[in-house]
């Protein structure tokens, strides 16, 4: 599904990514972990088109992503859930989720202006998809609520829902559990498993909390100072001395 080969990214001579390679199978939940500053978000920015690496390749279902603009990559089936919810505060939950359908609209401006039969039919279809995601994420009671007054845990679910509304084949999850309490984290983990098992969407999760991914991920890669230092099954990676050294330093 996703192959990253010898990716290199530098800022003012400082290497954020140093020959990083990954292979993500379709239908899997693949985790990329590492301490703060390891290069995890830089990797996501390269995959989603926000950054252009100086060297290396990124292929999604056989198509090169390097050099493509973010909206082109999104149209290929790549969606992203950001670490800090990037929602329109005055809009309702339903309206924010509907924005996730934007790149799937096919009618022209004149059809929308005249509110033709085709425009009406398309709007109904998109809203039906949004309602499916609202039901899936148990957001029914807040669907008409402006997101500006919702608690942080629900905002995270709305952020996930907007990404799912794009109907991606690959979902990038940027530290989805950041800022959540234990109960909210466990609920989010269940949704992530449902996304994999019920929707069949491939997920790449970046985290710095090793414990969060042990029971979720099918495979884990570890970054440290921009280099991949481990890659394998979660329990195997957790026992790797180099991973303990990266997280604990001299205390390892």
C-alpha atoms as a PDB file:
ATOM      1  CA  UNK A   1       0.000   0.000   0.000  1.00  0.00           C
ATOM      2  CA  UNK A   2       2.707   2.484   1.034  1.00  0.00           C
ATOM      3  CA  UNK A   3       6.447   2.213   0.412  1.00  0.00           C
ATOM      4  CA  UNK A   4       8.991   4.762   1.619  1.00  0.00           C
ATOM      5  CA  UNK A   5      12.525   4.288   0.315  1.00  0.00           C
ATOM      6  CA  UNK A   6      15.690   6.038   1.601  1.00  0.00           C
ATOM      7  CA  UNK A   7      13.849   9.256   2.445  1.00  0.00           C
ATOM      8  CA  UNK A   8      16.042  12.247   3.300  1.00  0.00           C
ATOM      9  CA  UNK A   9      14.887  15.637   4.565  1.00  0.00           C
ATOM     10  CA  UNK A  10      17.064  18.439   5.910  1.00  0.00           C
ATOM     11  CA  UNK A  11      16.465  21.920   7.308  1.00  0.00           C
ATOM     12  CA  UNK A  12      19.445  24.305   7.225  1.00  0.00           C
ATOM     13  CA  UNK A  13      21.816  21.363   7.229  1.00  0.00           C
ATOM     14  CA  UNK A  14      20.070  19.549  10.094  1.00  0.00           C
ATOM     15  CA  UNK A  15      18.746  16.155   9.031  1.00  0.00           C
ATOM     16  CA  UNK A  16      15.134  15.535  10.024  1.00  0.00           C
ATOM     17  CA  UNK A  17      15.012  12.236   8.107  1.00  0.00           C
ATOM     18  CA  UNK A  18      18.089  10.195   7.257  1.00  0.00           C
ATOM     19  CA  UNK A  19      17.517   7.395   4.718  1.00  0.00           C
ATOM     20  CA  UNK A  20      14.226   6.269   6.274  1.00  0.00           C
ATOM     21  CA  UNK A  21      12.542   3.290   4.605  1.00  0.00           C
ATOM     22  CA  UNK A  22       9.144   1.757   5.446  1.00  0.00           C
ATOM     23  CA  UNK A  23       6.825  -0.802   3.878  1.00  0.00           C
ATOM     24  CA  UNK A  24       3.177  -0.636   4.986  1.00  0.00           C
ATOM     25  CA  UNK A  25       0.951  -3.573   3.933  1.00  0.00           C
ATOM     26  CA  UNK A  26      -2.618  -2.879   2.842  1.00  0.00           C
ATOM     27  CA  UNK A  27      -5.248  -3.274   5.562  1.00  0.00           C
ATOM     28  CA  UNK A  28      -2.735  -3.010   8.404  1.00  0.00           C
ATOM     29  CA  UNK A  29      -2.270  -0.642  11.326  1.00  0.00           C
ATOM     30  CA  UNK A  30       1.386   0.376  11.156  1.00  0.00           C
ATOM     31  CA  UNK A  31       2.906   2.498  13.922  1.00  0.00           C
ATOM     32  CA  UNK A  32       5.873   4.841  13.717  1.00  0.00           C
ATOM     33  CA  UNK A  33       7.094   5.740  17.182  1.00  0.00           C
ATOM     34  CA  UNK A  34       9.997   7.580  18.721  1.00  0.00           C
ATOM     35  CA  UNK A  35      10.861  10.293  21.235  1.00  0.00           C
ATOM     36  CA  UNK A  36      10.053  13.948  20.599  1.00  0.00           C
ATOM     37  CA  UNK A  37      12.090  15.326  17.706  1.00  0.00           C
ATOM     38  CA  UNK A  38      12.642  11.905  16.146  1.00  0.00           C
ATOM     39  CA  UNK A  39      11.250  12.967  12.744  1.00  0.00           C
ATOM     40  CA  UNK A  40       7.795  11.388  12.926  1.00  0.00           C
ATOM     41  CA  UNK A  41       5.777  14.457  11.898  1.00  0.00           C
ATOM     42  CA  UNK A  42       8.347  15.330   9.219  1.00  0.00           C
ATOM     43  CA  UNK A  43       7.737  11.876   7.745  1.00  0.00           C
ATOM     44  CA  UNK A  44       3.974  12.497   7.645  1.00  0.00           C
ATOM     45  CA  UNK A  45       4.515  15.918   6.089  1.00  0.00           C
ATOM     46  CA  UNK A  46       6.497  14.278   3.291  1.00  0.00           C
ATOM     47  CA  UNK A  47       3.860  11.599   2.682  1.00  0.00           C
ATOM     48  CA  UNK A  48       1.004  14.132   2.615  1.00  0.00           C
ATOM     49  CA  UNK A  49       2.864  16.579   0.368  1.00  0.00           C
ATOM     50  CA  UNK A  50       3.441  19.403   2.876  1.00  0.00           C
ATOM     51  CA  UNK A  51       7.220  18.858   2.617  1.00  0.00           C
ATOM     52  CA  UNK A  52       9.258  17.782  -0.376  1.00  0.00           C
ATOM     53  CA  UNK A  53      12.195  15.530   0.598  1.00  0.00           C
ATOM     54  CA  UNK A  54      15.632  16.125  -0.890  1.00  0.00           C
ATOM     55  CA  UNK A  55      16.074  12.439  -1.725  1.00  0.00           C
ATOM     56  CA  UNK A  56      14.181   9.151  -1.671  1.00  0.00           C
ATOM     57  CA  UNK A  57      10.868   7.857  -2.958  1.00  0.00           C
ATOM     58  CA  UNK A  58       7.341   7.573  -1.593  1.00  0.00           C
ATOM     59  CA  UNK A  59       4.961   5.266  -3.456  1.00  0.00           C
ATOM     60  CA  UNK A  60       1.278   4.794  -2.680  1.00  0.00           C
ATOM     61  CA  UNK A  61      -0.376   1.906  -4.541  1.00  0.00           C
ATOM     62  CA  UNK A  62       2.394   2.120  -7.143  1.00  0.00           C
ATOM     63  CA  UNK A  63       2.148   5.897  -7.646  1.00  0.00           C
ATOM     64  CA  UNK A  64       4.953   8.285  -6.767  1.00  0.00           C
ATOM     65  CA  UNK A  65       3.893  10.922  -4.239  1.00  0.00           C
ATOM     66  CA  UNK A  66       7.040  13.058  -4.120  1.00  0.00           C
ATOM     67  CA  UNK A  67       6.378  16.310  -5.963  1.00  0.00           C
ATOM     68  CA  UNK A  68       2.581  16.046  -5.829  1.00  0.00           C
ATOM     69  CA  UNK A  69       0.607  18.784  -4.106  1.00  0.00           C
ATOM     70  CA  UNK A  70      -1.358  17.913  -0.938  1.00  0.00           C
ATOM     71  CA  UNK A  71      -4.793  18.110  -2.626  1.00  0.00           C
ATOM     72  CA  UNK A  72      -3.613  15.761  -5.397  1.00  0.00           C
ATOM     73  CA  UNK A  73      -2.409  13.265  -2.778  1.00  0.00           C
ATOM     74  CA  UNK A  74      -5.726  13.556  -0.943  1.00  0.00           C
ATOM     75  CA  UNK A  75      -7.559  12.828  -4.189  1.00  0.00           C
ATOM     76  CA  UNK A  76      -5.525   9.613  -4.553  1.00  0.00           C
ATOM     77  CA  UNK A  77      -6.989   8.381  -1.243  1.00  0.00           C
ATOM     78  CA  UNK A  78      -4.678   9.663   1.514  1.00  0.00           C
ATOM     79  CA  UNK A  79      -6.282  11.443   4.496  1.00  0.00           C
ATOM     80  CA  UNK A  80      -4.721  12.810   7.650  1.00  0.00           C
ATOM     81  CA  UNK A  81      -5.870  13.298  11.221  1.00  0.00           C
ATOM     82  CA  UNK A  82      -3.814  16.088  12.785  1.00  0.00           C
ATOM     83  CA  UNK A  83      -2.423  16.041  16.311  1.00  0.00           C
ATOM     84  CA  UNK A  84      -4.250  19.264  17.181  1.00  0.00           C
ATOM     85  CA  UNK A  85      -7.784  19.342  15.711  1.00  0.00           C
ATOM     86  CA  UNK A  86      -7.877  21.810  12.809  1.00  0.00           C
ATOM     87  CA  UNK A  87     -11.613  22.461  12.785  1.00  0.00           C
ATOM     88  CA  UNK A  88     -13.775  25.470  11.877  1.00  0.00           C
ATOM     89  CA  UNK A  89     -14.877  26.637  15.298  1.00  0.00           C
ATOM     90  CA  UNK A  90     -18.166  28.321  14.325  1.00  0.00           C
ATOM     91  CA  UNK A  91     -19.341  25.376  12.212  1.00  0.00           C
ATOM     92  CA  UNK A  92     -21.242  22.420  13.608  1.00  0.00           C
ATOM     93  CA  UNK A  93     -19.910  18.887  13.826  1.00  0.00           C
ATOM     94  CA  UNK A  94     -21.992  17.929  10.784  1.00  0.00           C
ATOM     95  CA  UNK A  95     -20.674  20.880   8.752  1.00  0.00           C
ATOM     96  CA  UNK A  96     -17.063  20.155   9.674  1.00  0.00           C
ATOM     97  CA  UNK A  97     -17.472  16.542   8.599  1.00  0.00           C
ATOM     98  CA  UNK A  98     -19.067  17.633   5.341  1.00  0.00           C
ATOM     99  CA  UNK A  99     -15.868  19.541   4.532  1.00  0.00           C
ATOM    100  CA  UNK A 100     -14.130  16.167   4.392  1.00  0.00           C
ATOM    101  CA  UNK A 101     -16.231  15.438   1.291  1.00  0.00           C
ATOM    102  CA  UNK A 102     -15.083  18.594  -0.536  1.00  0.00           C
ATOM    103  CA  UNK A 103     -12.733  16.903  -3.022  1.00  0.00           C
ATOM    104  CA  UNK A 104     -15.463  14.420  -3.944  1.00  0.00           C
ATOM    105  CA  UNK A 105     -17.933  17.025  -5.224  1.00  0.00           C
ATOM    106  CA  UNK A 106     -18.307  16.761  -9.008  1.00  0.00           C
ATOM    107  CA  UNK A 107     -20.908  19.409  -9.875  1.00  0.00           C
ATOM    108  CA  UNK A 108     -19.767  22.794 -11.221  1.00  0.00           C
ATOM    109  CA  UNK A 109     -20.355  26.210  -9.697  1.00  0.00           C
ATOM    110  CA  UNK A 110     -23.202  26.961 -12.088  1.00  0.00           C
ATOM    111  CA  UNK A 111     -25.011  23.755 -11.112  1.00  0.00           C
ATOM    112  CA  UNK A 112     -24.648  24.691  -7.450  1.00  0.00           C
ATOM    113  CA  UNK A 113     -25.810  28.264  -8.105  1.00  0.00           C
ATOM    114  CA  UNK A 114     -28.908  27.057  -9.996  1.00  0.00           C
ATOM    115  CA  UNK A 115     -29.406  24.190  -7.538  1.00  0.00           C
ATOM    116  CA  UNK A 116     -29.997  21.720 -10.334  1.00  0.00           C
ATOM    117  CA  UNK A 117     -31.319  18.199  -9.860  1.00  0.00           C
ATOM    118  CA  UNK A 118     -27.773  16.830 -10.130  1.00  0.00           C
ATOM    119  CA  UNK A 119     -26.471  19.238  -7.474  1.00  0.00           C
ATOM    120  CA  UNK A 120     -29.324  18.317  -5.113  1.00  0.00           C
ATOM    121  CA  UNK A 121     -28.762  14.596  -5.605  1.00  0.00           C
ATOM    122  CA  UNK A 122     -25.045  14.932  -4.967  1.00  0.00           C
ATOM    123  CA  UNK A 123     -25.601  16.970  -1.803  1.00  0.00           C
ATOM    124  CA  UNK A 124     -27.968  14.312  -0.460  1.00  0.00           C
ATOM    125  CA  UNK A 125     -25.429  11.556  -1.171  1.00  0.00           C
ATOM    126  CA  UNK A 126     -22.630  13.421   0.614  1.00  0.00           C
ATOM    127  CA  UNK A 127     -24.797  14.169   3.623  1.00  0.00           C
ATOM    128  CA  UNK A 128     -25.797  10.507   3.866  1.00  0.00           C
ATOM    129  CA  UNK A 129     -22.118   9.551   4.010  1.00  0.00           C
ATOM    130  CA  UNK A 130     -21.534  12.128   6.746  1.00  0.00           C
ATOM    131  CA  UNK A 131     -24.408  10.669   8.767  1.00  0.00           C
ATOM    132  CA  UNK A 132     -22.835   7.208   8.473  1.00  0.00           C
ATOM    133  CA  UNK A 133     -19.608   8.522  10.002  1.00  0.00           C
ATOM    134  CA  UNK A 134     -21.549  10.370  12.727  1.00  0.00           C
ATOM    135  CA  UNK A 135     -23.229   7.076  13.676  1.00  0.00           C
ATOM    136  CA  UNK A 136     -19.918   5.182  13.456  1.00  0.00           C
ATOM    137  CA  UNK A 137     -18.192   7.572  15.889  1.00  0.00           C
ATOM    138  CA  UNK A 138     -21.204   7.994  18.223  1.00  0.00           C
ATOM    139  CA  UNK A 139     -21.511  11.720  17.534  1.00  0.00           C
ATOM    140  CA  UNK A 140     -25.307  11.836  17.117  1.00  0.00           C
ATOM    141  CA  UNK A 141     -26.011  13.980  20.188  1.00  0.00           C
ATOM    142  CA  UNK A 142     -23.552  16.708  19.109  1.00  0.00           C
ATOM    143  CA  UNK A 143     -24.094  16.639  15.339  1.00  0.00           C
ATOM    144  CA  UNK A 144     -25.706  20.128  15.325  1.00  0.00           C
ATOM    145  CA  UNK A 145     -23.385  21.593  17.968  1.00  0.00           C
ATOM    146  CA  UNK A 146     -20.712  24.184  17.052  1.00  0.00           C
ATOM    147  CA  UNK A 147     -17.341  22.579  17.708  1.00  0.00           C
ATOM    148  CA  UNK A 148     -16.102  25.630  19.641  1.00  0.00           C
ATOM    149  CA  UNK A 149     -18.061  24.543  22.733  1.00  0.00           C
ATOM    150  CA  UNK A 150     -17.194  20.833  22.645  1.00  0.00           C
ATOM    151  CA  UNK A 151     -14.651  19.169  24.970  1.00  0.00           C
ATOM    152  CA  UNK A 152     -11.255  18.166  23.603  1.00  0.00           C
ATOM    153  CA  UNK A 153     -11.966  14.435  23.577  1.00  0.00           C
ATOM    154  CA  UNK A 154     -14.956  14.887  21.259  1.00  0.00           C
ATOM    155  CA  UNK A 155     -12.971  17.291  19.049  1.00  0.00           C
ATOM    156  CA  UNK A 156     -10.490  14.483  18.451  1.00  0.00           C
ATOM    157  CA  UNK A 157     -13.329  12.243  17.292  1.00  0.00           C
ATOM    158  CA  UNK A 158     -14.613  14.983  14.970  1.00  0.00           C
ATOM    159  CA  UNK A 159     -11.096  15.353  13.518  1.00  0.00           C
ATOM    160  CA  UNK A 160     -11.015  11.603  12.891  1.00  0.00           C
ATOM    161  CA  UNK A 161     -14.500  11.732  11.396  1.00  0.00           C
ATOM    162  CA  UNK A 162     -13.582  14.459   8.933  1.00  0.00           C
ATOM    163  CA  UNK A 163     -10.666  12.350   7.699  1.00  0.00           C
ATOM    164  CA  UNK A 164     -12.923   9.298   7.358  1.00  0.00           C
ATOM    165  CA  UNK A 165     -15.484  11.310   5.382  1.00  0.00           C
ATOM    166  CA  UNK A 166     -12.890  11.631   2.624  1.00  0.00           C
ATOM    167  CA  UNK A 167     -13.197   7.827   2.150  1.00  0.00           C
ATOM    168  CA  UNK A 168      -9.430   7.295   2.256  1.00  0.00           C
ATOM    169  CA  UNK A 169      -7.577   4.118   1.467  1.00  0.00           C
ATOM    170  CA  UNK A 170      -4.675   5.297   3.653  1.00  0.00           C
ATOM    171  CA  UNK A 171      -5.255   7.181   6.917  1.00  0.00           C
ATOM    172  CA  UNK A 172      -2.391   9.044   8.598  1.00  0.00           C
ATOM    173  CA  UNK A 173      -2.935   9.468  12.359  1.00  0.00           C
ATOM    174  CA  UNK A 174      -0.668  12.091  13.957  1.00  0.00           C
ATOM    175  CA  UNK A 175      -0.512  11.355  17.706  1.00  0.00           C
ATOM    176  CA  UNK A 176      -4.293  10.865  18.014  1.00  0.00           C
ATOM    177  CA  UNK A 177      -4.111  10.157  21.763  1.00  0.00           C
ATOM    178  CA  UNK A 178      -2.216  13.354  22.623  1.00  0.00           C
ATOM    179  CA  UNK A 179      -4.085  15.324  25.295  1.00  0.00           C
ATOM    180  CA  UNK A 180      -6.631  12.582  26.026  1.00  0.00           C
ATOM    181  CA  UNK A 181      -7.294  10.959  29.377  1.00  0.00           C
ATOM    182  CA  UNK A 182      -7.216   7.195  29.869  1.00  0.00           C
ATOM    183  CA  UNK A 183     -10.910   6.639  29.140  1.00  0.00           C
ATOM    184  CA  UNK A 184     -10.806   8.779  25.986  1.00  0.00           C
ATOM    185  CA  UNK A 185      -7.638   7.036  24.818  1.00  0.00           C
ATOM    186  CA  UNK A 186      -9.222   3.603  25.195  1.00  0.00           C
ATOM    187  CA  UNK A 187     -12.325   4.743  23.301  1.00  0.00           C
ATOM    188  CA  UNK A 188     -10.184   6.133  20.476  1.00  0.00           C
ATOM    189  CA  UNK A 189      -8.238   2.877  20.298  1.00  0.00           C
ATOM    190  CA  UNK A 190     -11.499   0.968  19.795  1.00  0.00           C
ATOM    191  CA  UNK A 191     -12.499   3.289  16.948  1.00  0.00           C
ATOM    192  CA  UNK A 192      -9.114   2.780  15.296  1.00  0.00           C
ATOM    193  CA  UNK A 193      -9.531  -0.988  15.447  1.00  0.00           C
ATOM    194  CA  UNK A 194     -13.038  -0.651  13.991  1.00  0.00           C
ATOM    195  CA  UNK A 195     -11.658   1.495  11.156  1.00  0.00           C
ATOM    196  CA  UNK A 196      -9.248  -1.312  10.297  1.00  0.00           C
ATOM    197  CA  UNK A 197     -11.621  -4.237  10.741  1.00  0.00           C
ATOM    198  CA  UNK A 198     -14.933  -2.803   9.496  1.00  0.00           C
ATOM    199  CA  UNK A 199     -13.770  -0.276   6.897  1.00  0.00           C
ATOM    200  CA  UNK A 200     -10.579  -2.021   5.789  1.00  0.00           C
ATOM    201  CA  UNK A 201      -8.643   1.264   5.783  1.00  0.00           C
ATOM    202  CA  UNK A 202      -4.848   1.056   6.077  1.00  0.00           C
ATOM    203  CA  UNK A 203      -3.613   3.219   8.947  1.00  0.00           C
ATOM    204  CA  UNK A 204      -0.214   4.666   9.773  1.00  0.00           C
ATOM    205  CA  UNK A 205      -0.032   5.911  13.344  1.00  0.00           C
ATOM    206  CA  UNK A 206       2.727   8.093  14.762  1.00  0.00           C
ATOM    207  CA  UNK A 207       3.176   8.168  18.513  1.00  0.00           C
ATOM    208  CA  UNK A 208       5.845   8.708  21.139  1.00  0.00           C
ATOM    209  CA  UNK A 209       4.001   6.609  23.743  1.00  0.00           C
ATOM    210  CA  UNK A 210       5.151   3.020  23.229  1.00  0.00           C
ATOM    211  CA  UNK A 211       2.438   1.534  25.456  1.00  0.00           C
ATOM    212  CA  UNK A 212      -0.374   2.977  23.332  1.00  0.00           C
ATOM    213  CA  UNK A 213       0.703   1.061  20.225  1.00  0.00           C
ATOM    214  CA  UNK A 214       1.613  -2.321  21.709  1.00  0.00           C
ATOM    215  CA  UNK A 215      -1.966  -3.639  21.642  1.00  0.00           C
ATOM    216  CA  UNK A 216      -2.975  -1.811  18.445  1.00  0.00           C
ATOM    217  CA  UNK A 217      -0.275  -2.005  15.807  1.00  0.00           C
ATOM    218  CA  UNK A 218       0.435  -4.937  13.529  1.00  0.00           C
ATOM    219  CA  UNK A 219       3.978  -3.660  13.049  1.00  0.00           C
ATOM    220  CA  UNK A 220       6.097  -0.887  14.575  1.00  0.00           C
ATOM    221  CA  UNK A 221       8.992   1.189  13.255  1.00  0.00           C
ATOM    222  CA  UNK A 222      11.085   3.317  15.604  1.00  0.00           C
ATOM    223  CA  UNK A 223      12.735   6.609  14.649  1.00  0.00           C
ATOM    224  CA  UNK A 224      15.445   8.374  16.625  1.00  0.00           C
ATOM    225  CA  UNK A 225      17.102  11.592  15.434  1.00  0.00           C
ATOM    226  CA  UNK A 226      15.707  11.010  11.964  1.00  0.00           C
ATOM    227  CA  UNK A 227      17.010   7.455  11.540  1.00  0.00           C
ATOM    228  CA  UNK A 228      15.079   4.202  11.712  1.00  0.00           C
ATOM    229  CA  UNK A 229      16.587   2.123  14.512  1.00  0.00           C
ATOM    230  CA  UNK A 230      14.070  -0.742  14.682  1.00  0.00           C
ATOM    231  CA  UNK A 231      11.220  -2.295  12.700  1.00  0.00           C
ATOM    232  CA  UNK A 232       9.180  -5.361  13.556  1.00  0.00           C
ATOM    233  CA  UNK A 233       6.393  -6.824  15.665  1.00  0.00           C
ATOM    234  CA  UNK A 234       5.389  -4.627  18.630  1.00  0.00           C
ATOM    235  CA  UNK A 235       6.591  -6.941  21.392  1.00  0.00           C
ATOM    236  CA  UNK A 236       9.890  -7.572  19.594  1.00  0.00           C
ATOM    237  CA  UNK A 237      10.504  -3.866  19.146  1.00  0.00           C
ATOM    238  CA  UNK A 238       9.641  -3.181  22.786  1.00  0.00           C
ATOM    239  CA  UNK A 239      12.446  -5.530  23.863  1.00  0.00           C
ATOM    240  CA  UNK A 240      15.028  -4.032  21.506  1.00  0.00           C
ATOM    241  CA  UNK A 241      17.908  -2.502  23.542  1.00  0.00           C
ATOM    242  CA  UNK A 242      18.352   0.323  21.014  1.00  0.00           C
ATOM    243  CA  UNK A 243      14.702   1.330  21.519  1.00  0.00           C
ATOM    244  CA  UNK A 244      15.124   1.404  25.302  1.00  0.00           C
ATOM    245  CA  UNK A 245      18.260   3.504  24.848  1.00  0.00           C
ATOM    246  CA  UNK A 246      16.400   5.990  22.593  1.00  0.00           C
ATOM    247  CA  UNK A 247      13.578   6.412  25.112  1.00  0.00           C
ATOM    248  CA  UNK A 248      15.473   6.192  28.371  1.00  0.00           C
ATOM    249  CA  UNK A 249      19.019   7.264  27.497  1.00  0.00           C
ATOM    250  CA  UNK A 250      21.533   6.364  30.181  1.00  0.00           C
ATOM    251  CA  UNK A 251      18.753   5.017  32.407  1.00  0.00           C
ATOM    252  CA  UNK A 252      18.300   2.087  29.996  1.00  0.00           C
END
